[in-house]
């Protein structure tokens, strides 16, 4: 805590809290007259102007352009979040639909996608959830089912609880018996092995199959190549982002240049992912306000994150990206509860 923060008294805290709450609601610089009319202010206009002047000297607020009103600085928001904020309890009924959606899902990536969409819908900002990180992906079981035309449904079970369904394009129609024999062969040979090792072995099998006249072996290798090399080359994204276009509706981020840089960062992923990865070593809700993120592209944004877990182990993080002028007490609660619900759903699978 800085020296200035040690000097702020209760009267100044109340005024700063009110100013920030009013600014978050209105989006316009807050003047002393607006503060004087606030029900929670029992100070004269002269006293308010004096306290505002002190807060400005401390770096908690500033006057944009020639406006008589003030808006919070990053330092002001930080003090507000750390010392003045009362997190709003969430209405449990708002989470029922989300919980029901997760209960229906078996695939982890779909659950993560649902969480991202939920965060976005609840906050009107961008919701982001990292894909679970695992040191290794081990094959438990595989199954193939014939579909119409030249397509096959693969069902891949990994790491005890993850189920991935993929529709594979294939060279011809396959009978159910052919696919069953192929799955049996792969299960007997590769179950319990890491996917990356299986991928390498399949490349060797492919070379052998070209010389082999056994049609069943060629069928098996084609299926294995499709599932382990083409569609399964860890094509899963690093994170799933939803609602980024919501940010276009907020005046604070309305600059075309700001939005372009932000959307470019979303597409390139590197900076956002690095920031989310930082959260994996921290407990509780993490809040990065403006320049605190360390990334220039996020200087006009706040990022509120929390980790989610399986069996007590952190496997990913989720959060909300929005303008610095966000209702922190609501967003913090939404992120916190969403992380707990996603953790619970993943554990139950």
Protein backbone atom coordinates (compact mmCIF):
# COMPACT_ATOMS: atom_id res chain seq x y z
CA UNK A 1 0.00 0.00 0.00
CA UNK A 2 1.37 3.41 -0.96
CA UNK A 3 1.95 6.31 1.39
CA UNK A 4 -1.05 8.15 -0.09
CA UNK A 5 -3.30 5.20 0.58
CA UNK A 6 -2.25 5.20 4.23
CA UNK A 7 -3.32 8.83 4.49
CA UNK A 8 -6.86 8.46 3.12
CA UNK A 9 -9.48 8.90 5.86
CA UNK A 10 -13.00 7.58 6.23
CA UNK A 11 -14.61 10.69 4.79
CA UNK A 12 -12.42 10.53 1.70
CA UNK A 13 -13.10 6.79 1.38
CA UNK A 14 -16.86 7.35 1.41
CA UNK A 15 -16.57 10.06 -1.21
CA UNK A 16 -14.28 7.97 -3.41
CA UNK A 17 -16.61 4.97 -3.12
CA UNK A 18 -19.63 7.08 -4.09
CA UNK A 19 -17.83 8.76 -6.98
CA UNK A 20 -16.68 5.44 -8.46
CA UNK A 21 -20.10 3.82 -8.03
CA UNK A 22 -21.76 6.81 -9.73
CA UNK A 23 -19.21 6.82 -12.53
CA UNK A 24 -19.67 3.09 -13.18
CA UNK A 25 -23.42 3.66 -13.46
CA UNK A 26 -23.40 6.85 -15.51
CA UNK A 27 -20.20 6.73 -17.53
CA UNK A 28 -19.79 10.50 -17.22
CA UNK A 29 -17.37 12.55 -15.09
CA UNK A 30 -18.91 13.08 -11.65
CA UNK A 31 -19.11 16.63 -10.32
CA UNK A 32 -19.37 17.86 -6.74
CA UNK A 33 -23.06 18.76 -7.27
CA UNK A 34 -23.91 15.16 -8.19
CA UNK A 35 -22.04 13.93 -5.11
CA UNK A 36 -23.74 16.49 -2.86
CA UNK A 37 -27.14 15.22 -4.03
CA UNK A 38 -26.20 11.63 -3.22
CA UNK A 39 -28.15 10.19 -0.30
CA UNK A 40 -25.04 8.78 1.31
CA UNK A 41 -23.21 12.12 1.35
CA UNK A 42 -23.60 14.36 4.39
CA UNK A 43 -20.96 16.89 3.41
CA UNK A 44 -21.36 20.44 2.20
CA UNK A 45 -20.44 21.27 -1.38
CA UNK A 46 -17.37 23.12 -0.14
CA UNK A 47 -16.22 20.09 1.89
CA UNK A 48 -16.81 17.80 -1.07
CA UNK A 49 -14.73 20.03 -3.35
CA UNK A 50 -11.95 20.06 -0.77
CA UNK A 51 -11.93 16.26 -0.40
CA UNK A 52 -12.04 15.83 -4.19
CA UNK A 53 -9.01 18.07 -4.49
CA UNK A 54 -7.17 15.93 -1.92
CA UNK A 55 -8.13 12.71 -3.74
CA UNK A 56 -6.88 14.18 -6.99
CA UNK A 57 -3.54 15.06 -5.43
CA UNK A 58 -3.27 11.50 -4.13
CA UNK A 59 -3.79 10.17 -7.66
CA UNK A 60 -7.13 8.43 -7.07
CA UNK A 61 -9.17 10.61 -9.43
CA UNK A 62 -8.56 13.11 -12.21
CA UNK A 63 -10.42 15.59 -14.39
CA UNK A 64 -10.53 14.59 -18.06
CA UNK A 65 -9.95 17.52 -20.41
CA UNK A 66 -11.53 20.70 -19.02
CA UNK A 67 -14.47 18.92 -17.40
CA UNK A 68 -15.43 20.01 -13.91
CA UNK A 69 -16.24 16.39 -13.04
CA UNK A 70 -13.81 13.68 -12.01
CA UNK A 71 -13.31 10.05 -12.98
CA UNK A 72 -11.32 7.34 -11.20
CA UNK A 73 -7.72 6.55 -12.12
CA UNK A 74 -6.34 3.00 -12.19
CA UNK A 75 -5.00 3.68 -8.69
CA UNK A 76 -8.46 4.80 -7.60
CA UNK A 77 -10.10 1.67 -8.98
CA UNK A 78 -7.47 -0.49 -7.28
CA UNK A 79 -8.12 1.10 -3.89
CA UNK A 80 -11.86 0.75 -4.46
CA UNK A 81 -11.56 -2.96 -5.32
CA UNK A 82 -9.12 -3.78 -2.52
CA UNK A 83 -10.57 -1.70 0.32
CA UNK A 84 -14.03 -0.29 -0.39
CA UNK A 85 -15.86 -2.98 -2.33
CA UNK A 86 -18.64 -5.16 -0.99
CA UNK A 87 -19.09 -8.15 -3.29
CA UNK A 88 -22.73 -8.59 -4.20
CA UNK A 89 -24.23 -12.03 -3.42
CA UNK A 90 -25.61 -13.62 -6.56
CA UNK A 91 -29.18 -14.82 -7.03
CA UNK A 92 -28.76 -18.61 -7.27
CA UNK A 93 -31.68 -18.86 -9.70
CA UNK A 94 -29.54 -17.13 -12.36
CA UNK A 95 -27.17 -20.10 -12.38
CA UNK A 96 -29.76 -22.90 -12.68
CA UNK A 97 -29.78 -22.95 -16.49
CA UNK A 98 -25.97 -23.00 -16.59
CA UNK A 99 -25.80 -25.89 -14.13
CA UNK A 100 -28.36 -27.84 -16.16
CA UNK A 101 -26.37 -27.26 -19.36
CA UNK A 102 -23.22 -28.65 -17.74
CA UNK A 103 -25.07 -31.70 -16.41
CA UNK A 104 -26.09 -32.62 -19.97
CA UNK A 105 -22.55 -32.37 -21.33
CA UNK A 106 -19.98 -35.14 -21.37
CA UNK A 107 -17.22 -33.44 -23.34
CA UNK A 108 -14.94 -31.16 -21.36
CA UNK A 109 -14.51 -28.71 -24.22
CA UNK A 110 -18.27 -28.26 -24.54
CA UNK A 111 -18.49 -27.56 -20.80
CA UNK A 112 -15.74 -24.98 -21.11
CA UNK A 113 -17.56 -23.40 -24.05
CA UNK A 114 -20.79 -23.23 -22.01
CA UNK A 115 -18.91 -21.51 -19.17
CA UNK A 116 -17.46 -18.94 -21.56
CA UNK A 117 -20.90 -18.18 -23.05
CA UNK A 118 -22.43 -17.95 -19.58
CA UNK A 119 -19.82 -15.45 -18.36
CA UNK A 120 -20.40 -13.32 -21.44
CA UNK A 121 -24.20 -13.40 -21.15
CA UNK A 122 -24.18 -12.62 -17.43
CA UNK A 123 -21.83 -9.64 -17.68
CA UNK A 124 -22.32 -8.31 -21.24
CA UNK A 125 -18.52 -8.42 -21.57
CA UNK A 126 -16.21 -11.04 -23.08
CA UNK A 127 -16.07 -14.39 -21.29
CA UNK A 128 -12.89 -16.47 -21.52
CA UNK A 129 -12.06 -19.96 -20.26
CA UNK A 130 -8.77 -21.78 -20.81
CA UNK A 131 -8.88 -25.38 -21.99
CA UNK A 132 -7.86 -27.73 -19.15
CA UNK A 133 -4.12 -28.23 -19.01
CA UNK A 134 -2.89 -31.76 -18.51
CA UNK A 135 0.70 -32.96 -18.45
CA UNK A 136 -0.28 -35.93 -20.61
CA UNK A 137 -3.31 -37.27 -22.45
CA UNK A 138 -3.68 -41.03 -22.07
CA UNK A 139 -5.95 -43.18 -24.21
CA UNK A 140 -8.46 -45.21 -22.23
CA UNK A 141 -10.77 -46.45 -24.95
CA UNK A 142 -11.78 -45.77 -28.52
CA UNK A 143 -14.88 -46.68 -30.50
CA UNK A 144 -15.95 -46.14 -34.12
CA UNK A 145 -19.54 -46.02 -35.41
CA UNK A 146 -20.60 -45.83 -39.08
CA UNK A 147 -22.58 -42.79 -40.20
CA UNK A 148 -24.26 -41.94 -43.48
CA UNK A 149 -22.11 -41.35 -46.56
CA UNK A 150 -18.32 -41.50 -46.08
CA UNK A 151 -18.28 -40.54 -42.42
CA UNK A 152 -17.46 -42.27 -39.16
CA UNK A 153 -18.16 -41.17 -35.58
CA UNK A 154 -15.17 -41.67 -33.29
CA UNK A 155 -15.61 -41.75 -29.52
CA UNK A 156 -12.34 -41.17 -27.70
CA UNK A 157 -12.06 -41.57 -23.92
CA UNK A 158 -8.92 -40.13 -22.31
CA UNK A 159 -7.63 -39.49 -18.80
CA UNK A 160 -10.50 -41.35 -17.09
CA UNK A 161 -13.14 -38.68 -17.56
CA UNK A 162 -12.70 -36.87 -20.86
CA UNK A 163 -14.90 -37.98 -23.75
CA UNK A 164 -14.33 -36.51 -27.21
CA UNK A 165 -16.68 -37.20 -30.12
CA UNK A 166 -15.49 -36.46 -33.65
CA UNK A 167 -16.98 -37.03 -37.07
CA UNK A 168 -14.25 -38.29 -39.38
CA UNK A 169 -14.33 -38.06 -43.19
CA UNK A 170 -13.18 -41.42 -44.61
CA UNK A 171 -12.32 -42.83 -48.03
CA UNK A 172 -15.36 -45.14 -48.32
CA UNK A 173 -18.29 -46.55 -46.41
CA UNK A 174 -17.25 -48.90 -43.63
CA UNK A 175 -19.30 -51.70 -42.11
CA UNK A 176 -19.88 -51.74 -38.37
CA UNK A 177 -17.92 -55.01 -38.06
CA UNK A 178 -14.88 -53.48 -39.78
CA UNK A 179 -14.92 -50.51 -37.45
CA UNK A 180 -15.39 -52.70 -34.39
CA UNK A 181 -12.36 -54.80 -35.32
CA UNK A 182 -10.32 -51.64 -35.91
CA UNK A 183 -11.31 -50.24 -32.49
CA UNK A 184 -10.53 -53.54 -30.78
CA UNK A 185 -7.09 -53.63 -32.36
CA UNK A 186 -6.29 -50.05 -31.31
CA UNK A 187 -7.62 -50.58 -27.78
CA UNK A 188 -5.58 -53.75 -27.32
CA UNK A 189 -2.42 -52.19 -28.70
CA UNK A 190 -2.55 -48.61 -27.41
CA UNK A 191 -4.85 -48.33 -24.34
CA UNK A 192 -2.96 -46.76 -21.45
CA UNK A 193 -0.44 -45.03 -23.71
CA UNK A 194 -0.03 -41.29 -24.23
CA UNK A 195 -1.71 -39.89 -27.33
CA UNK A 196 1.54 -38.31 -28.51
CA UNK A 197 3.29 -41.71 -28.47
CA UNK A 198 0.34 -43.31 -30.28
CA UNK A 199 0.56 -40.63 -32.97
CA UNK A 200 4.19 -41.55 -33.65
CA UNK A 201 3.41 -45.26 -33.73
CA UNK A 202 0.56 -44.73 -36.18
CA UNK A 203 2.98 -43.10 -38.63
CA UNK A 204 5.07 -46.29 -38.59
CA UNK A 205 1.93 -48.44 -39.01
CA UNK A 206 0.94 -46.34 -42.03
CA UNK A 207 4.21 -47.13 -43.79
CA UNK A 208 3.79 -50.84 -43.04
CA UNK A 209 0.16 -50.85 -44.19
CA UNK A 210 1.12 -49.55 -47.63
CA UNK A 211 3.07 -52.76 -48.16
CA UNK A 212 0.49 -55.00 -46.47
CA UNK A 213 -2.26 -56.60 -48.53
CA UNK A 214 -4.46 -57.07 -45.45
CA UNK A 215 -7.50 -54.84 -45.98
CA UNK A 216 -8.42 -54.88 -42.28
CA UNK A 217 -5.02 -53.48 -41.34
CA UNK A 218 -5.48 -50.70 -43.90
CA UNK A 219 -8.90 -49.95 -42.41
CA UNK A 220 -7.44 -49.82 -38.91
CA UNK A 221 -4.59 -47.54 -39.93
CA UNK A 222 -6.94 -45.19 -41.79
CA UNK A 223 -9.12 -44.85 -38.68
CA UNK A 224 -6.10 -44.34 -36.44
CA UNK A 225 -4.61 -41.76 -38.76
CA UNK A 226 -7.85 -39.82 -38.85
CA UNK A 227 -8.36 -39.74 -35.10
CA UNK A 228 -4.77 -39.38 -33.87
CA UNK A 229 -3.03 -37.38 -36.59
CA UNK A 230 -5.54 -35.34 -38.55
CA UNK A 231 -8.29 -34.40 -36.12
CA UNK A 232 -6.54 -35.02 -32.83
CA UNK A 233 -3.29 -33.16 -33.24
CA UNK A 234 -4.22 -31.27 -30.13
CA UNK A 235 -6.47 -29.15 -32.32
CA UNK A 236 -8.17 -27.95 -29.19
CA UNK A 237 -7.83 -24.26 -28.63
CA UNK A 238 -5.80 -22.73 -25.82
CA UNK A 239 -8.88 -20.92 -24.60
CA UNK A 240 -12.46 -20.35 -25.64
CA UNK A 241 -13.65 -16.75 -25.93
CA UNK A 242 -17.29 -15.68 -26.15
CA UNK A 243 -18.98 -12.32 -26.48
CA UNK A 244 -16.03 -10.26 -27.68
CA UNK A 245 -18.42 -8.25 -29.84
CA UNK A 246 -20.15 -7.14 -26.62
CA UNK A 247 -17.17 -4.85 -26.07
CA UNK A 248 -18.23 -2.78 -29.08
CA UNK A 249 -21.30 -1.68 -27.10
CA UNK A 250 -19.25 0.04 -24.37
CA UNK A 251 -18.31 3.65 -24.98
CA UNK A 252 -15.10 3.26 -23.00
CA UNK A 253 -13.80 0.92 -25.71
CA UNK A 254 -15.56 2.52 -28.68
CA UNK A 255 -12.37 3.74 -30.36
CA UNK A 256 -11.87 1.82 -33.62
CA UNK A 257 -8.12 1.55 -32.95
CA UNK A 258 -8.70 0.25 -29.42
CA UNK A 259 -11.14 -2.41 -30.60
CA UNK A 260 -8.92 -3.42 -33.52
CA UNK A 261 -5.92 -3.94 -31.25
CA UNK A 262 -8.05 -5.81 -28.74
CA UNK A 263 -9.57 -8.13 -31.34
CA UNK A 264 -6.12 -8.72 -32.84
CA UNK A 265 -4.93 -9.77 -29.37
CA UNK A 266 -7.88 -12.15 -29.08
CA UNK A 267 -6.99 -13.71 -32.43
CA UNK A 268 -3.27 -14.01 -31.73
CA UNK A 269 -4.03 -15.28 -28.21
CA UNK A 270 -0.45 -14.99 -26.91
CA UNK A 271 -0.86 -12.01 -24.54
CA UNK A 272 -4.26 -13.09 -23.25
CA UNK A 273 -3.03 -16.63 -22.67
CA UNK A 274 0.09 -15.43 -20.83
CA UNK A 275 -2.07 -13.32 -18.55
CA UNK A 276 -4.43 -16.21 -17.83
CA UNK A 277 -1.49 -18.53 -17.21
CA UNK A 278 -0.23 -16.13 -14.53
CA UNK A 279 -3.44 -16.81 -12.64
CA UNK A 280 -2.78 -20.55 -12.43
CA UNK A 281 -0.38 -20.01 -9.52
CA UNK A 282 -2.75 -17.77 -7.54
CA UNK A 283 -5.70 -18.49 -5.30
CA UNK A 284 -9.03 -16.69 -5.25
CA UNK A 285 -10.30 -14.09 -7.69
CA UNK A 286 -7.56 -12.12 -9.48
CA UNK A 287 -8.26 -8.63 -10.83
CA UNK A 288 -6.04 -6.82 -13.35
CA UNK A 289 -7.06 -3.20 -13.87
CA UNK A 290 -5.80 -1.36 -16.93
CA UNK A 291 -2.02 -1.22 -17.14
CA UNK A 292 -1.70 -3.71 -14.24
CA UNK A 293 -2.01 -6.53 -16.76
CA UNK A 294 1.36 -5.57 -18.20
CA UNK A 295 -0.02 -5.61 -21.75
CA UNK A 296 -0.53 -2.37 -23.63
CA UNK A 297 -3.54 -3.74 -25.52
CA UNK A 298 -5.39 -4.20 -22.21
CA UNK A 299 -4.65 -0.75 -20.76
CA UNK A 300 -8.28 0.31 -21.12
CA UNK A 301 -9.63 -3.01 -19.85
CA UNK A 302 -10.03 -4.90 -16.62
CA UNK A 303 -9.67 -8.67 -16.43
CA UNK A 304 -11.30 -10.60 -13.57
CA UNK A 305 -10.24 -14.25 -13.31
CA UNK A 306 -10.37 -17.34 -11.12
CA UNK A 307 -8.97 -20.86 -11.44
CA UNK A 308 -11.08 -23.99 -11.72
CA UNK A 309 -10.04 -27.40 -10.46
CA UNK A 310 -10.46 -31.17 -10.75
CA UNK A 311 -9.63 -33.39 -7.77
CA UNK A 312 -8.20 -30.34 -6.00
CA UNK A 313 -5.73 -29.68 -8.82
CA UNK A 314 -5.84 -26.42 -10.80
CA UNK A 315 -6.37 -27.30 -14.47
CA UNK A 316 -7.46 -23.96 -15.95
CA UNK A 317 -8.70 -20.45 -15.38
CA UNK A 318 -11.74 -18.48 -16.46
CA UNK A 319 -12.70 -14.85 -16.40
CA UNK A 320 -14.24 -11.74 -17.86
CA UNK A 321 -12.61 -9.04 -20.00
CA UNK A 322 -14.32 -5.66 -20.08
CA UNK A 323 -13.72 -1.93 -19.70
CA UNK A 324 -12.19 -0.62 -16.48
CA UNK A 325 -15.60 0.93 -15.82
CA UNK A 326 -17.30 -2.32 -14.88
CA UNK A 327 -19.55 -3.24 -11.93
CA UNK A 328 -16.79 -5.05 -10.07
CA UNK A 329 -18.95 -6.26 -7.17
CA UNK A 330 -21.20 -8.18 -9.60
CA UNK A 331 -18.49 -9.38 -11.99
CA UNK A 332 -16.32 -10.71 -9.15
CA UNK A 333 -19.23 -12.71 -7.76
CA UNK A 334 -20.20 -14.08 -11.20
CA UNK A 335 -16.62 -15.19 -11.94
CA UNK A 336 -16.23 -16.74 -8.49
CA UNK A 337 -19.45 -18.76 -8.64
CA UNK A 338 -18.93 -19.81 -12.28
CA UNK A 339 -15.50 -21.24 -11.42
CA UNK A 340 -16.98 -23.22 -8.53
CA UNK A 341 -19.83 -24.58 -10.68
CA UNK A 342 -17.48 -25.60 -13.51
CA UNK A 343 -15.12 -27.29 -11.03
CA UNK A 344 -18.01 -29.18 -9.46
CA UNK A 345 -19.35 -30.30 -12.87
CA UNK A 346 -15.95 -31.53 -14.03
CA UNK A 347 -15.42 -33.43 -10.77
CA UNK A 348 -18.80 -35.11 -11.07
CA UNK A 349 -17.86 -36.47 -14.53
